[in-house]
Protein backbone atom coordinates (compact mmCIF):
# COMPACT_ATOMS: atom_id res chain seq x y z
CA MET A 1 -123.45 58.20 -11.25
CA ARG A 2 -120.80 60.24 -13.17
CA LYS A 3 -117.47 59.00 -11.11
CA MET A 4 -119.19 54.99 -12.30
CA LEU A 5 -118.72 56.20 -15.74
CA LEU A 6 -115.45 57.30 -14.95
CA CYS A 7 -114.28 54.21 -13.72
CA ALA A 8 -115.56 52.44 -16.78
CA MET A 9 -113.82 54.79 -19.03
CA VAL A 10 -110.13 54.35 -17.19
CA VAL A 11 -110.51 50.96 -17.09
CA GLY A 12 -111.36 50.69 -20.67
CA LEU A 13 -108.77 53.13 -21.80
CA LEU A 14 -105.94 50.61 -19.83
CA LEU A 15 -107.26 47.46 -21.85
CA ALA A 16 -107.74 49.40 -24.89
CA THR A 17 -103.93 51.02 -24.85
CA VAL A 18 -102.22 48.11 -24.32
CA PRO A 19 -102.69 44.87 -25.68
CA PRO A 20 -101.90 42.04 -24.63
CA GLY A 21 -98.19 40.61 -23.23
CA ALA A 22 -99.48 37.35 -24.00
CA ALA A 23 -97.10 37.79 -27.31
CA GLU A 24 -93.88 37.31 -25.58
CA LEU A 25 -93.71 34.78 -24.42
CA SER A 26 -90.75 34.79 -22.22
CA LYS A 27 -90.10 37.08 -19.31
CA PRO A 28 -87.47 37.76 -16.72
CA PRO A 29 -88.02 36.64 -12.93
CA ILE A 30 -88.08 39.93 -11.65
CA GLN A 31 -90.36 42.83 -12.62
CA LEU A 32 -90.09 46.29 -11.95
CA ASP A 33 -92.51 49.32 -13.84
CA VAL A 34 -92.56 52.70 -11.87
CA PHE A 35 -93.88 55.96 -13.34
CA ALA A 36 -94.75 59.38 -12.84
CA GLY A 37 -96.22 62.31 -15.27
CA PHE A 38 -99.13 64.48 -16.20
CA ASP A 39 -102.37 64.44 -18.01
CA TYR A 40 -105.61 67.05 -19.63
CA ASP A 41 -108.53 65.64 -19.17
CA SER A 42 -111.09 67.45 -21.22
CA ASN A 43 -114.22 65.68 -20.01
CA VAL A 44 -112.78 64.41 -16.10
CA ASN A 45 -116.58 64.18 -14.88
CA LEU A 46 -118.11 62.78 -18.43
CA ARG A 47 -120.38 66.07 -18.75
CA SER A 48 -122.77 65.37 -21.42
CA SER A 49 -121.99 67.48 -25.05
CA GLU A 50 -126.01 67.74 -25.15
CA TYR A 51 -128.01 67.50 -21.70
CA ASP A 52 -127.78 70.88 -20.11
CA VAL A 53 -126.02 69.87 -16.01
CA ARG A 54 -124.84 73.62 -15.86
CA THR A 55 -126.81 74.10 -12.60
CA PHE A 56 -125.46 71.41 -10.64
CA GLN A 57 -121.85 70.05 -12.43
CA PRO A 58 -118.51 72.03 -13.21
CA LYS A 59 -116.93 72.55 -15.96
CA GLY A 60 -115.46 68.91 -16.98
CA ASP A 61 -111.77 69.73 -18.06
CA ALA A 62 -108.36 69.06 -15.46
CA ALA A 63 -104.79 68.55 -15.03
CA LEU A 64 -103.84 65.77 -13.21
CA TYR A 65 -100.66 64.42 -12.09
CA LYS A 66 -100.33 60.74 -12.18
CA HIS A 67 -97.91 57.93 -10.81
CA GLN A 68 -98.23 54.48 -10.28
CA ALA A 69 -95.58 51.53 -9.28
CA GLN A 70 -95.69 48.20 -9.99
CA VAL A 71 -93.76 44.95 -8.71
CA GLY A 72 -93.81 41.37 -9.80
CA TYR A 73 -91.67 38.19 -10.02
CA ASN A 74 -92.34 35.39 -12.39
CA PHE A 75 -92.02 32.15 -10.47
CA ALA A 76 -90.65 28.86 -13.34
CA PHE A 77 -91.81 25.73 -11.51
CA ASN A 78 -90.40 24.01 -14.64
CA PRO A 79 -90.29 24.80 -18.76
CA LYS A 80 -94.38 24.70 -19.28
CA PHE A 81 -95.63 26.44 -16.04
CA SER A 82 -94.89 29.35 -14.44
CA LEU A 83 -96.88 31.92 -11.99
CA LEU A 84 -97.14 35.45 -11.71
CA ALA A 85 -97.29 37.38 -9.15
CA GLN A 86 -98.09 41.28 -9.49
CA TYR A 87 -98.76 44.10 -7.13
CA THR A 88 -100.22 47.56 -8.63
CA TYR A 89 -100.24 51.03 -7.14
CA TYR A 90 -101.81 53.93 -8.87
CA GLN A 91 -102.81 57.35 -7.72
CA ASP A 92 -103.84 60.43 -9.21
CA PHE A 93 -104.33 64.01 -8.65
CA HIS A 94 -106.46 66.64 -9.92
CA PHE A 95 -105.43 70.54 -10.16
CA ARG A 96 -109.16 71.34 -10.05
CA LEU A 97 -111.52 68.64 -10.05
CA THR A 98 -110.25 66.81 -6.48
CA GLU A 99 -113.00 64.88 -6.00
CA TYR A 100 -112.76 62.85 -8.96
CA ASP A 101 -108.72 61.54 -7.81
CA ASN A 102 -108.03 58.19 -8.42
CA MET A 103 -106.42 55.19 -6.28
CA SER A 104 -106.35 52.33 -6.87
CA HIS A 105 -104.75 49.04 -5.28
CA ASN A 106 -104.50 45.71 -8.01
CA VAL A 107 -103.24 42.14 -6.98
CA THR A 108 -102.72 39.76 -9.81
CA LEU A 109 -101.95 36.28 -9.92
CA SER A 110 -101.23 35.16 -13.48
CA PRO A 111 -100.32 30.96 -14.08
CA THR A 112 -99.03 30.65 -17.31
CA LEU A 113 -98.98 26.72 -19.26
CA ASN A 114 -96.97 26.16 -22.15
CA VAL A 115 -98.26 23.77 -24.50
CA PHE A 116 -97.62 21.68 -27.98
CA LYS A 117 -94.13 22.34 -27.89
CA ASN A 118 -94.96 25.84 -26.83
CA THR A 119 -96.97 26.82 -29.31
CA GLY A 120 -99.82 27.75 -26.81
CA GLN A 121 -100.16 29.52 -24.03
CA ILE A 122 -102.73 29.29 -20.78
CA ILE A 123 -103.17 32.12 -19.29
CA ALA A 124 -105.65 31.93 -16.13
CA MET A 125 -105.32 35.59 -14.39
CA CYS A 126 -106.71 36.39 -10.69
CA ASN A 127 -107.27 39.95 -10.31
CA PHE A 128 -108.48 41.71 -7.31
CA ASN A 129 -109.33 45.81 -7.52
CA TYR A 130 -110.10 48.50 -4.94
CA LEU A 131 -110.28 51.32 -6.08
CA THR A 132 -111.53 54.87 -4.40
CA ILE A 133 -112.31 58.37 -5.86
CA GLY A 134 -112.79 61.72 -4.06
CA GLY A 135 -110.61 59.77 -0.88
CA ASN A 136 -114.53 57.53 -0.58
CA ASP A 137 -114.08 54.23 -1.31
CA TYR A 138 -115.86 53.11 -4.82
CA LYS A 139 -115.65 49.47 -5.83
CA ILE A 140 -113.67 46.51 -4.99
CA GLY A 141 -113.67 44.52 -7.48
CA TRP A 142 -112.35 40.54 -8.50
CA THR A 143 -111.60 39.08 -11.60
CA PHE A 144 -110.87 35.62 -13.41
CA MET A 145 -109.92 36.03 -17.18
CA PRO A 146 -108.25 33.24 -18.69
CA THR A 147 -107.15 32.94 -22.36
CA TYR A 148 -105.74 30.47 -24.30
CA TYR A 149 -102.82 32.17 -27.22
CA GLN A 150 -102.44 29.34 -30.66
CA MET A 151 -99.01 30.48 -32.66
CA LEU A 152 -101.18 29.26 -35.99
CA ALA A 153 -99.30 29.14 -39.63
CA GLY A 154 -96.59 31.86 -40.43
CA LYS A 155 -96.45 34.85 -38.28
CA VAL A 156 -100.48 34.89 -36.79
CA MET A 157 -101.74 33.68 -33.71
CA LEU A 158 -104.72 33.49 -32.11
CA GLU A 159 -106.60 33.91 -29.04
CA VAL A 160 -109.88 33.08 -27.45
CA GLY A 161 -110.41 33.48 -23.65
CA GLY A 162 -113.08 35.02 -21.23
CA PHE A 163 -113.91 37.20 -18.56
CA TYR A 164 -115.66 37.00 -15.50
CA GLU A 165 -116.04 39.77 -12.72
CA TYR A 166 -117.62 40.23 -9.42
CA GLY A 167 -118.02 44.20 -8.50
CA THR A 168 -119.10 45.72 -5.26
CA TYR A 169 -119.55 49.49 -5.36
CA TYR A 170 -119.80 51.79 -2.85
CA ALA A 171 -120.26 55.12 -4.70
CA PRO A 172 -123.26 57.35 -3.61
CA ILE A 173 -126.07 56.10 -5.50
CA VAL A 174 -129.11 58.41 -5.52
CA ILE A 175 -131.89 55.11 -6.85
CA ASP A 176 -131.32 51.56 -6.68
CA ASP A 177 -131.88 51.47 -10.68
CA ASP A 178 -128.00 53.10 -11.14
CA ASP A 179 -126.87 50.17 -8.92
CA ARG A 180 -123.69 48.36 -10.20
CA THR A 181 -123.04 45.99 -8.16
CA GLY A 182 -123.25 42.63 -9.34
CA ASN A 183 -121.73 40.25 -12.38
CA THR A 184 -119.53 41.36 -15.97
CA VAL A 185 -119.47 37.72 -18.01
CA GLY A 186 -117.21 38.96 -21.32
CA LEU A 187 -115.96 36.48 -24.35
CA ALA A 188 -112.39 37.50 -26.60
CA ALA A 189 -111.60 36.13 -30.25
CA GLY A 190 -109.08 37.74 -31.59
CA LEU A 191 -105.83 37.40 -33.89
CA PHE A 192 -102.35 38.92 -34.01
CA PHE A 193 -100.10 39.35 -37.13
CA PHE A 194 -96.59 39.45 -36.31
CA PHE A 195 -94.13 41.86 -37.88
CA ASN A 196 -91.16 39.87 -37.61
CA ASP A 197 -89.15 37.13 -36.23
CA ALA A 198 -89.13 38.44 -32.38
CA ARG A 199 -92.57 39.26 -32.47
CA THR A 200 -92.43 42.39 -30.88
CA GLY A 201 -93.90 44.45 -33.95
CA TYR A 202 -98.09 43.22 -34.90
CA LEU A 203 -101.63 44.11 -35.41
CA GLN A 204 -104.35 42.95 -33.30
CA LEU A 205 -107.86 42.33 -33.91
CA ARG A 206 -110.45 41.29 -31.50
CA TYR A 207 -114.50 41.23 -30.68
CA SER A 208 -115.82 40.76 -27.67
CA PRO A 209 -119.21 40.44 -26.42
CA ILE A 210 -119.89 41.26 -22.74
CA TRP A 211 -123.16 40.61 -20.53
CA THR A 212 -123.25 43.48 -17.75
CA LEU A 213 -125.94 41.76 -14.87
CA THR A 214 -126.36 44.51 -11.79
CA GLU A 215 -128.25 45.00 -8.84
CA GLY A 216 -129.65 48.25 -10.90
CA SER A 217 -131.44 48.17 -14.06
CA ASN A 218 -130.15 51.64 -15.49
CA PHE A 219 -127.05 49.16 -16.60
CA TYR A 220 -128.03 45.84 -17.23
CA GLY A 221 -127.46 44.93 -20.73
CA VAL A 222 -125.10 43.26 -23.21
CA GLY A 223 -122.54 45.14 -25.10
CA HIS A 224 -120.50 43.75 -28.22
CA LYS A 225 -116.87 45.33 -28.68
CA PHE A 226 -115.05 45.50 -32.03
CA GLN A 227 -110.96 46.70 -31.91
CA LEU A 228 -108.27 47.24 -33.83
CA ALA A 229 -104.47 47.51 -32.20
CA ALA A 230 -101.09 47.82 -33.38
CA MET A 231 -97.68 47.38 -31.79
CA ILE A 232 -95.10 49.45 -34.50
CA PRO A 233 -91.09 49.38 -33.34
CA ALA A 234 -90.32 52.34 -35.30
CA THR A 235 -86.59 51.67 -33.64
CA LYS A 236 -84.64 50.04 -31.49
CA GLN A 237 -85.96 52.59 -28.98
CA LEU A 238 -88.92 53.60 -30.31
CA ASN A 239 -92.55 51.92 -29.78
CA ILE A 240 -95.55 52.71 -31.32
CA ARG A 241 -98.93 51.88 -30.01
CA PRO A 242 -102.14 53.01 -32.35
CA TYR A 243 -105.76 51.66 -31.63
CA ILE A 244 -109.55 52.33 -32.58
CA SER A 245 -112.51 50.64 -31.27
CA TYR A 246 -116.13 50.75 -31.46
CA GLY A 247 -118.76 49.18 -28.85
CA TYR A 248 -122.57 49.09 -29.15
CA TYR A 249 -123.83 48.87 -25.94
CA PRO A 250 -128.13 48.48 -25.57
CA TYR A 251 -129.45 47.76 -22.13
CA PHE A 252 -132.27 45.47 -21.34
CA ASN A 253 -134.62 48.49 -19.36
CA ASN A 254 -136.40 51.09 -19.60
CA TRP A 255 -133.96 53.64 -18.36
CA VAL A 256 -134.44 55.53 -15.08
CA ASN A 257 -133.66 59.55 -14.34
CA ALA A 258 -132.64 60.11 -10.78
CA SER A 259 -134.27 63.22 -10.84
CA ALA A 260 -137.52 62.21 -11.54
CA PRO A 261 -137.57 58.39 -10.70
CA ASN A 262 -141.28 57.96 -10.91
CA LEU A 263 -141.31 59.71 -14.18
CA ASN A 264 -141.76 56.76 -16.78
CA ILE A 265 -141.65 58.41 -20.27
CA TYR A 266 -138.36 57.04 -21.44
CA SER A 267 -136.87 54.29 -23.77
CA LYS A 268 -134.43 51.69 -23.50
CA ARG A 269 -130.85 53.48 -23.26
CA GLU A 270 -128.51 52.47 -25.99
CA ASP A 271 -125.19 53.56 -26.25
CA SER A 272 -122.07 53.73 -29.38
CA ILE A 273 -118.80 54.47 -28.09
CA VAL A 274 -116.02 54.88 -30.12
CA GLU A 275 -112.33 55.10 -28.57
CA GLY A 276 -108.88 55.65 -30.65
CA GLY A 277 -105.58 57.02 -29.63
CA VAL A 278 -102.08 56.49 -29.68
CA GLN A 279 -99.02 55.86 -27.27
CA VAL A 280 -95.27 56.81 -27.85
CA THR A 281 -92.62 54.65 -25.99
CA TYR A 282 -88.30 55.78 -26.05
CA LYS A 283 -86.23 54.13 -23.97
CA PHE A 284 -84.08 56.40 -23.78
CA ALA A 285 -81.65 54.67 -21.37
CA GLN A 286 -81.06 51.11 -20.11
CA GLY A 287 -84.36 50.76 -18.30
CA PHE A 288 -85.62 54.39 -18.06
CA TYR A 289 -87.96 54.95 -21.00
CA VAL A 290 -90.58 58.27 -21.61
CA GLU A 291 -94.16 57.85 -23.14
CA GLY A 292 -96.35 60.54 -24.79
CA GLN A 293 -100.55 59.52 -25.16
CA TYR A 294 -103.33 60.95 -26.93
CA ASN A 295 -107.20 59.21 -26.63
CA PHE A 296 -110.09 60.60 -27.66
CA THR A 297 -113.87 58.81 -26.60
CA ALA A 298 -116.80 59.88 -28.54
CA ALA A 299 -120.03 58.35 -27.03
CA TYR A 300 -123.70 58.82 -28.66
CA SER A 301 -127.03 57.44 -26.50
CA ASN A 302 -130.16 58.04 -27.19
CA ILE A 303 -130.33 58.87 -23.42
CA ALA A 304 -128.82 62.54 -23.80
CA PHE A 305 -127.21 62.31 -20.17
CA TYR A 306 -125.03 59.82 -21.11
CA GLN A 307 -123.91 61.14 -24.72
CA TYR A 308 -120.34 63.29 -24.23
CA ASN A 309 -116.88 63.83 -26.00
CA ARG A 310 -113.82 63.47 -24.20
CA HIS A 311 -109.65 63.84 -24.83
CA VAL A 312 -106.84 62.68 -22.90
CA VAL A 313 -103.51 64.09 -23.94
CA GLY A 314 -100.04 63.83 -21.43
CA GLY A 315 -96.76 61.87 -20.83
CA LYS A 316 -94.85 60.30 -18.16
CA VAL A 317 -91.38 59.02 -17.11
CA GLY A 318 -90.89 55.61 -16.07
CA TYR A 319 -88.29 53.02 -15.33
CA ARG A 320 -88.85 49.31 -16.01
CA PHE A 321 -86.76 46.35 -14.92
């Protein structure tokens, strides 16, 4: 169960700290991004701050080494239509909690259509993801995410989109109620407020309702996420990306405790999660950059098992073409 939560948090952090790149309406044909770095994670296994788990779960802080390679090509068929194909490989190694080492493969196809004299853009991202944790098969996911961006008056851009994923989970499942295999459906509505004509700096507001329709009853529910993010080009070489989000996740069924599944004394689970942080990127040579980041998570729940705090700080060196 902890590994399931870890995967969800990794994906959540990636989405929260990297606002959509659709604001950049032109891209080079070849894309390459490789990096390597180190992080310190105060709560790798999402150990509860309220639940006594000392007898079966180790202390969750650990440092890790990480690296990633992404390669892509943008096929520009004509001025209005293009197709971006990408492959991404990511891996990390925890110095102490090796059972939480991650490795993932992502294949992404993103057809893009420019409309209304290039003031609007439709991106229909299709993604395949294969994830292992601790060297074991964990998840295979198929995602379809169509999004429409439309420039409005002045320096304002509208974002409207949807999200569908079918995920198959292979992690050890103690009881069927903890099986997260199933469908996830979501919507997104947001606004970008650009600081400059080049659209390199912006403030982003977004709201997303999310329905999680899993085979197990413990994760079957709905969520509401509000996000505020920004891209601040402090100098030509220095970019700053702060963000903060709040998510409210009420679940439809009474929670079932894996340690006593026949003891039905628990209420319906309700979680509130606050996430935030900042990324600072400095380009020090042609294509090369260094980046530091800090992220935090404060998870509150009426089920003490899911209440925890987490801080991740680290940095990396990379090359982007």
